[in-house]
């Protein structure tokens, strides 16, 4: 997949994070809600239960969103020290 194909997924992922639709769990997991549907993500192994990831093997917007949320959480923890 080219970066041009990933860009729409990244843009949608940023919107999911900004609208607080990502719940970060332990052990590299998260629940990302899109259009009212919860998607279970493992952002360390880059797996998701969505069609895009399971069937096509693409890194979906849910994985991107979970990774962005994790980065945001880690940065906040570092800045709070």
N, C-alpha and C. Protein backbone atom coordinates (compact mmCIF):
# COMPACT_ATOMS: atom_id res chain seq x y z
N UNK A 1 0.84 -1.17 0.00
CA UNK A 1 0.00 0.00 0.00
C UNK A 1 0.89 1.23 0.00
N UNK A 2 0.54 2.19 -0.83
CA UNK A 2 1.33 3.41 -0.89
C UNK A 2 0.87 4.39 0.18
N UNK A 3 1.68 5.39 0.42
CA UNK A 3 1.31 6.39 1.43
C UNK A 3 0.06 7.16 1.01
N UNK A 4 -0.15 7.31 -0.30
CA UNK A 4 -1.37 7.98 -0.78
C UNK A 4 -2.62 7.20 -0.39
N UNK A 5 -2.53 5.88 -0.38
CA UNK A 5 -3.67 5.05 0.01
C UNK A 5 -3.88 5.09 1.52
N UNK A 6 -2.82 5.30 2.29
CA UNK A 6 -2.92 5.36 3.75
C UNK A 6 -3.44 6.70 4.25
N UNK A 7 -3.23 7.75 3.49
CA UNK A 7 -3.57 9.10 3.96
C UNK A 7 -5.03 9.25 4.39
N UNK A 8 -6.02 8.77 3.63
CA UNK A 8 -7.41 8.89 4.09
C UNK A 8 -7.65 8.16 5.42
N UNK A 9 -7.00 7.03 5.60
CA UNK A 9 -7.14 6.29 6.86
C UNK A 9 -6.54 7.09 8.02
N UNK A 10 -5.40 7.71 7.78
CA UNK A 10 -4.75 8.51 8.82
C UNK A 10 -5.60 9.73 9.18
N UNK A 11 -6.15 10.39 8.18
CA UNK A 11 -7.02 11.55 8.44
C UNK A 11 -8.24 11.15 9.26
N UNK A 12 -8.86 10.02 8.92
CA UNK A 12 -10.02 9.54 9.68
C UNK A 12 -9.62 9.14 11.10
N UNK A 13 -8.44 8.58 11.24
CA UNK A 13 -7.94 8.17 12.56
C UNK A 13 -7.75 9.38 13.47
N UNK A 14 -7.21 10.44 12.91
CA UNK A 14 -7.02 11.66 13.70
C UNK A 14 -8.35 12.19 14.20
N UNK A 15 -9.37 12.15 13.35
CA UNK A 15 -10.71 12.60 13.76
C UNK A 15 -11.27 11.71 14.87
N UNK A 16 -11.02 10.41 14.80
CA UNK A 16 -11.48 9.51 15.85
C UNK A 16 -10.84 9.86 17.19
N UNK A 17 -9.55 10.15 17.17
CA UNK A 17 -8.84 10.52 18.40
C UNK A 17 -9.36 11.85 18.93
N UNK A 18 -9.48 12.83 18.04
CA UNK A 18 -9.92 14.16 18.45
C UNK A 18 -11.34 14.15 19.02
N UNK A 19 -12.17 13.22 18.57
CA UNK A 19 -13.55 13.16 19.07
C UNK A 19 -13.70 12.13 20.20
N UNK A 20 -12.57 11.75 20.80
CA UNK A 20 -12.54 10.87 21.97
C UNK A 20 -13.24 9.53 21.74
N UNK A 21 -13.01 8.93 20.60
CA UNK A 21 -13.60 7.64 20.27
C UNK A 21 -12.62 6.47 20.45
N UNK A 22 -11.56 6.72 21.20
CA UNK A 22 -10.56 5.67 21.44
C UNK A 22 -10.42 5.45 22.94
N UNK A 23 -10.62 4.22 23.36
CA UNK A 23 -10.40 3.85 24.75
C UNK A 23 -9.17 2.96 24.79
N UNK A 24 -8.13 3.46 25.41
CA UNK A 24 -6.89 2.69 25.50
C UNK A 24 -6.97 1.72 26.67
N UNK A 25 -6.68 0.47 26.40
CA UNK A 25 -6.68 -0.58 27.42
C UNK A 25 -5.24 -0.98 27.73
N UNK A 26 -5.07 -2.03 28.50
CA UNK A 26 -3.72 -2.51 28.82
C UNK A 26 -3.20 -3.42 27.71
N UNK A 27 -1.89 -3.64 27.75
CA UNK A 27 -1.22 -4.63 26.90
C UNK A 27 -1.38 -4.36 25.40
N UNK A 28 -1.33 -3.10 25.02
CA UNK A 28 -1.35 -2.75 23.61
C UNK A 28 -2.70 -2.89 22.93
N UNK A 29 -3.76 -2.86 23.72
CA UNK A 29 -5.09 -3.03 23.16
C UNK A 29 -5.90 -1.75 23.31
N UNK A 30 -6.91 -1.62 22.47
CA UNK A 30 -7.80 -0.46 22.54
C UNK A 30 -9.15 -0.81 21.92
N UNK A 31 -10.14 -0.02 22.28
CA UNK A 31 -11.44 -0.10 21.62
C UNK A 31 -11.64 1.22 20.91
N UNK A 32 -11.85 1.15 19.61
CA UNK A 32 -12.06 2.34 18.80
C UNK A 32 -13.50 2.28 18.28
N UNK A 33 -14.27 3.31 18.59
CA UNK A 33 -15.66 3.33 18.15
C UNK A 33 -15.80 4.24 16.94
N UNK A 34 -16.33 3.67 15.86
CA UNK A 34 -16.56 4.42 14.63
C UNK A 34 -17.98 4.15 14.17
N UNK A 35 -18.73 5.21 13.96
CA UNK A 35 -20.14 5.11 13.55
C UNK A 35 -20.94 4.25 14.52
N UNK A 36 -20.59 4.36 15.81
CA UNK A 36 -21.31 3.64 16.84
C UNK A 36 -20.93 2.18 17.00
N UNK A 37 -19.98 1.70 16.23
CA UNK A 37 -19.55 0.30 16.28
C UNK A 37 -18.19 0.21 16.96
N UNK A 38 -18.08 -0.62 18.01
CA UNK A 38 -16.77 -0.78 18.66
C UNK A 38 -15.88 -1.76 17.88
N UNK A 39 -14.65 -1.35 17.66
CA UNK A 39 -13.67 -2.20 16.99
C UNK A 39 -12.55 -2.49 17.99
N UNK A 40 -12.23 -3.76 18.14
CA UNK A 40 -11.20 -4.17 19.09
C UNK A 40 -9.87 -4.27 18.35
N UNK A 41 -8.90 -3.53 18.89
CA UNK A 41 -7.62 -3.32 18.22
C UNK A 41 -6.48 -3.76 19.12
N UNK A 42 -5.47 -4.38 18.54
CA UNK A 42 -4.19 -4.56 19.21
C UNK A 42 -3.21 -3.71 18.40
N UNK A 43 -2.86 -2.56 18.96
CA UNK A 43 -2.04 -1.62 18.18
C UNK A 43 -0.57 -1.99 18.16
N UNK A 44 -0.14 -2.92 19.00
CA UNK A 44 1.27 -3.36 18.93
C UNK A 44 1.46 -4.39 17.82
N UNK A 45 0.49 -5.30 17.66
CA UNK A 45 0.60 -6.29 16.59
C UNK A 45 -0.14 -5.83 15.32
N UNK A 46 -0.74 -4.63 15.39
CA UNK A 46 -1.47 -4.02 14.27
C UNK A 46 -2.56 -4.93 13.72
N UNK A 47 -3.42 -5.40 14.64
CA UNK A 47 -4.57 -6.20 14.24
C UNK A 47 -5.85 -5.53 14.71
N UNK A 48 -6.91 -5.73 13.94
CA UNK A 48 -8.21 -5.16 14.23
C UNK A 48 -9.27 -6.14 13.72
N UNK A 49 -10.46 -6.05 14.27
CA UNK A 49 -11.52 -6.96 13.83
C UNK A 49 -12.29 -6.44 12.62
N UNK A 50 -11.93 -5.29 12.11
CA UNK A 50 -12.66 -4.70 10.99
C UNK A 50 -12.36 -5.42 9.66
N UNK A 51 -13.25 -5.23 8.73
CA UNK A 51 -13.14 -5.85 7.41
C UNK A 51 -11.84 -5.45 6.71
N UNK A 52 -11.51 -4.17 6.78
CA UNK A 52 -10.32 -3.65 6.09
C UNK A 52 -9.06 -4.38 6.52
N UNK A 53 -8.94 -4.65 7.82
CA UNK A 53 -7.75 -5.31 8.32
C UNK A 53 -7.82 -6.82 8.15
N UNK A 54 -8.95 -7.43 8.53
CA UNK A 54 -9.06 -8.89 8.48
C UNK A 54 -9.02 -9.41 7.05
N UNK A 55 -9.80 -8.82 6.17
CA UNK A 55 -9.92 -9.34 4.81
C UNK A 55 -8.83 -8.83 3.88
N UNK A 56 -8.57 -7.53 3.94
CA UNK A 56 -7.61 -6.94 3.01
C UNK A 56 -6.19 -6.86 3.56
N UNK A 57 -6.04 -6.99 4.87
CA UNK A 57 -4.72 -6.93 5.49
C UNK A 57 -4.15 -5.53 5.58
N UNK A 58 -5.01 -4.51 5.41
CA UNK A 58 -4.53 -3.13 5.48
C UNK A 58 -4.45 -2.66 6.93
N UNK A 59 -3.55 -1.73 7.18
CA UNK A 59 -3.52 -1.05 8.47
C UNK A 59 -4.66 -0.04 8.45
N UNK A 60 -5.71 -0.36 9.19
CA UNK A 60 -6.96 0.41 9.13
C UNK A 60 -6.90 1.67 9.99
N UNK A 61 -7.93 2.49 9.84
CA UNK A 61 -8.02 3.73 10.61
C UNK A 61 -8.11 3.46 12.10
N UNK A 62 -8.65 2.30 12.49
CA UNK A 62 -8.79 1.97 13.91
C UNK A 62 -7.41 1.72 14.54
N UNK A 63 -6.55 1.04 13.81
CA UNK A 63 -5.18 0.80 14.30
C UNK A 63 -4.43 2.12 14.39
N UNK A 64 -4.53 2.92 13.32
CA UNK A 64 -3.87 4.23 13.35
C UNK A 64 -4.35 5.04 14.54
N UNK A 65 -5.68 5.07 14.76
CA UNK A 65 -6.25 5.86 15.86
C UNK A 65 -5.73 5.37 17.21
N UNK A 66 -5.70 4.07 17.41
CA UNK A 66 -5.21 3.52 18.68
C UNK A 66 -3.73 3.87 18.89
N UNK A 67 -2.94 3.81 17.84
CA UNK A 67 -1.53 4.17 17.96
C UNK A 67 -1.35 5.66 18.25
N UNK A 68 -2.14 6.51 17.60
CA UNK A 68 -2.07 7.94 17.87
C UNK A 68 -2.48 8.24 19.31
N UNK A 69 -3.54 7.56 19.78
CA UNK A 69 -3.99 7.77 21.15
C UNK A 69 -2.91 7.34 22.14
N UNK A 70 -2.26 6.22 21.86
CA UNK A 70 -1.18 5.74 22.74
C UNK A 70 -0.04 6.76 22.79
N UNK A 71 0.33 7.29 21.65
CA UNK A 71 1.39 8.31 21.61
C UNK A 71 0.97 9.53 22.41
N UNK A 72 -0.27 9.93 22.26
CA UNK A 72 -0.79 11.09 22.99
C UNK A 72 -0.74 10.84 24.50
N UNK A 73 -1.12 9.65 24.92
CA UNK A 73 -1.10 9.29 26.34
C UNK A 73 0.33 9.29 26.88
N UNK A 74 1.26 8.73 26.13
CA UNK A 74 2.66 8.68 26.57
C UNK A 74 3.25 10.08 26.67
N UNK A 75 2.96 10.94 25.70
CA UNK A 75 3.46 12.32 25.74
C UNK A 75 2.90 13.06 26.95
N UNK A 76 1.63 12.84 27.25
CA UNK A 76 1.01 13.49 28.41
C UNK A 76 1.67 13.04 29.70
N UNK A 77 1.95 11.74 29.80
CA UNK A 77 2.61 11.21 31.00
C UNK A 77 4.00 11.81 31.16
N UNK A 78 4.73 11.95 30.07
CA UNK A 78 6.07 12.54 30.14
C UNK A 78 6.02 14.01 30.53
N UNK A 79 5.04 14.73 30.00
CA UNK A 79 4.92 16.16 30.29
C UNK A 79 4.41 16.43 31.69
N UNK A 80 3.70 15.48 32.29
CA UNK A 80 3.16 15.66 33.63
C UNK A 80 4.20 15.43 34.71
N UNK A 81 5.34 14.88 34.34
CA UNK A 81 6.39 14.61 35.34
C UNK A 81 7.17 15.83 35.68
